[in-house]
N, C-alpha and C. Protein backbone atom coordinates (compact mmCIF):
# COMPACT_ATOMS: atom_id res chain seq x y z
N MET A 1 127.80 29.73 267.77
CA MET A 1 127.81 31.15 267.45
C MET A 1 129.03 31.78 268.14
N SER A 2 129.77 32.55 267.39
CA SER A 2 130.97 33.15 267.94
C SER A 2 130.62 34.36 268.81
N GLU A 3 131.58 34.78 269.60
CA GLU A 3 131.38 35.92 270.48
C GLU A 3 131.15 37.20 269.68
N THR A 4 131.85 37.33 268.57
CA THR A 4 131.70 38.52 267.72
C THR A 4 130.30 38.60 267.13
N ALA A 5 129.74 37.47 266.70
CA ALA A 5 128.40 37.45 266.16
C ALA A 5 127.38 37.82 267.23
N LEU A 6 127.57 37.34 268.43
CA LEU A 6 126.65 37.65 269.52
C LEU A 6 126.68 39.13 269.86
N ILE A 7 127.87 39.72 269.90
CA ILE A 7 127.98 41.16 270.16
C ILE A 7 127.31 41.96 269.05
N SER A 8 127.47 41.51 267.82
CA SER A 8 126.85 42.19 266.69
C SER A 8 125.32 42.15 266.78
N ILE A 9 124.77 41.01 267.15
CA ILE A 9 123.32 40.87 267.29
C ILE A 9 122.79 41.77 268.40
N VAL A 10 123.48 41.80 269.52
CA VAL A 10 123.05 42.65 270.64
C VAL A 10 123.11 44.13 270.24
N ALA A 11 124.16 44.52 269.54
CA ALA A 11 124.28 45.90 269.09
C ALA A 11 123.17 46.27 268.11
N MET A 12 122.85 45.38 267.18
CA MET A 12 121.78 45.64 266.23
C MET A 12 120.43 45.75 266.92
N LEU A 13 120.18 44.92 267.91
CA LEU A 13 118.94 45.02 268.67
C LEU A 13 118.87 46.35 269.42
N GLY A 14 120.00 46.79 269.95
CA GLY A 14 120.04 48.09 270.62
C GLY A 14 119.72 49.23 269.67
N TRP A 15 120.30 49.19 268.47
CA TRP A 15 120.00 50.23 267.47
C TRP A 15 118.53 50.19 267.05
N LEU A 16 117.97 48.97 266.96
CA LEU A 16 116.56 48.84 266.59
C LEU A 16 115.66 49.46 267.66
N VAL A 17 115.97 49.23 268.92
CA VAL A 17 115.20 49.83 270.01
C VAL A 17 115.33 51.35 269.98
N LEU A 18 116.54 51.85 269.75
CA LEU A 18 116.75 53.29 269.68
C LEU A 18 115.98 53.92 268.52
N ALA A 19 116.03 53.30 267.36
CA ALA A 19 115.30 53.82 266.20
C ALA A 19 113.79 53.75 266.42
N GLY A 20 113.33 52.66 267.02
CA GLY A 20 111.90 52.51 267.29
C GLY A 20 111.38 53.54 268.28
N SER A 21 112.17 53.83 269.31
CA SER A 21 111.73 54.83 270.28
C SER A 21 111.74 56.23 269.68
N ALA A 22 112.69 56.50 268.80
CA ALA A 22 112.72 57.80 268.12
C ALA A 22 111.51 57.94 267.22
N LEU A 23 111.16 56.88 266.52
CA LEU A 23 109.99 56.91 265.64
C LEU A 23 108.70 57.04 266.43
N ALA A 24 108.62 56.38 267.57
CA ALA A 24 107.42 56.46 268.40
C ALA A 24 107.23 57.86 268.98
N SER A 25 108.30 58.61 269.13
CA SER A 25 108.18 59.96 269.70
C SER A 25 107.45 60.92 268.76
N PHE A 26 107.37 60.58 267.48
CA PHE A 26 106.65 61.43 266.54
C PHE A 26 105.13 61.27 266.65
N ARG A 27 104.66 60.20 267.24
CA ARG A 27 103.24 59.92 267.47
C ARG A 27 102.40 60.07 266.21
N MET A 28 102.84 59.39 265.15
CA MET A 28 102.08 59.43 263.91
C MET A 28 101.18 58.21 263.81
N GLY A 29 100.20 58.28 262.94
CA GLY A 29 99.27 57.17 262.77
C GLY A 29 99.92 56.01 262.02
N TRP A 30 99.22 54.88 262.02
CA TRP A 30 99.75 53.68 261.37
C TRP A 30 99.89 53.86 259.87
N SER A 31 98.97 54.60 259.26
CA SER A 31 99.04 54.78 257.81
C SER A 31 100.27 55.60 257.42
N LYS A 32 100.57 56.63 258.18
CA LYS A 32 101.76 57.44 257.92
C LYS A 32 103.03 56.62 258.18
N PHE A 33 103.01 55.83 259.25
CA PHE A 33 104.15 54.98 259.56
C PHE A 33 104.40 53.98 258.43
N LEU A 34 103.35 53.36 257.93
CA LEU A 34 103.47 52.38 256.85
C LEU A 34 103.98 53.05 255.58
N GLN A 35 103.50 54.24 255.30
CA GLN A 35 103.95 54.98 254.12
C GLN A 35 105.45 55.28 254.22
N MET A 36 105.90 55.73 255.37
CA MET A 36 107.33 56.03 255.56
C MET A 36 108.17 54.76 255.47
N ALA A 37 107.68 53.66 256.02
CA ALA A 37 108.42 52.40 255.96
C ALA A 37 108.56 51.92 254.52
N LEU A 38 107.50 52.05 253.74
CA LEU A 38 107.57 51.64 252.33
C LEU A 38 108.51 52.52 251.52
N VAL A 39 108.52 53.81 251.81
CA VAL A 39 109.44 54.71 251.11
C VAL A 39 110.88 54.34 251.43
N TRP A 40 111.19 54.09 252.71
CA TRP A 40 112.56 53.71 253.07
C TRP A 40 112.93 52.36 252.49
N LEU A 41 111.99 51.45 252.44
CA LEU A 41 112.25 50.15 251.83
C LEU A 41 112.59 50.31 250.35
N ALA A 42 111.84 51.18 249.65
CA ALA A 42 112.11 51.43 248.24
C ALA A 42 113.48 52.09 248.05
N ILE A 43 113.84 53.01 248.92
CA ILE A 43 115.15 53.67 248.82
C ILE A 43 116.28 52.65 248.98
N PHE A 44 116.19 51.80 250.00
CA PHE A 44 117.26 50.82 250.21
C PHE A 44 117.28 49.77 249.10
N ALA A 45 116.11 49.32 248.64
CA ALA A 45 116.06 48.34 247.56
C ALA A 45 116.67 48.93 246.28
N GLY A 46 116.35 50.19 245.99
CA GLY A 46 116.94 50.84 244.83
C GLY A 46 118.44 50.98 244.95
N GLY A 47 118.91 51.31 246.15
CA GLY A 47 120.35 51.41 246.37
C GLY A 47 121.05 50.08 246.18
N PHE A 48 120.46 49.01 246.71
CA PHE A 48 121.06 47.69 246.54
C PHE A 48 121.07 47.28 245.07
N LEU A 49 120.00 47.61 244.35
CA LEU A 49 119.96 47.27 242.92
C LEU A 49 121.02 48.05 242.14
N LEU A 50 121.18 49.31 242.44
CA LEU A 50 122.20 50.12 241.76
C LEU A 50 123.61 49.60 242.05
N VAL A 51 123.86 49.30 243.28
CA VAL A 51 125.19 48.76 243.64
C VAL A 51 125.41 47.42 242.95
N GLY A 52 124.39 46.58 242.93
CA GLY A 52 124.51 45.29 242.26
C GLY A 52 124.75 45.43 240.77
N LEU A 53 124.11 46.42 240.17
CA LEU A 53 124.30 46.65 238.73
C LEU A 53 125.73 47.07 238.43
N PHE A 54 126.27 47.98 239.21
CA PHE A 54 127.60 48.52 238.95
C PHE A 54 128.70 47.56 239.39
N MET A 55 128.42 46.69 240.34
CA MET A 55 129.44 45.76 240.80
C MET A 55 129.57 44.58 239.83
N ASP A 56 128.52 44.24 239.11
CA ASP A 56 128.59 43.13 238.15
C ASP A 56 129.38 43.52 236.90
N GLY A 57 129.32 44.80 236.52
CA GLY A 57 129.95 45.23 235.28
C GLY A 57 131.38 45.43 235.47
């Protein structure tokens, strides 16, 4: 593993901790958390599909 890849992994883990702590500060229930996670997953999946559609053409 190269040094650049290692730095990238550490940075991503740091961002994940930061995002997780921000989300935990809202103190919402698991059902609301799951609903928000699924909505964001759908948004990103739709974005990737749209980009894939336009990049193939």
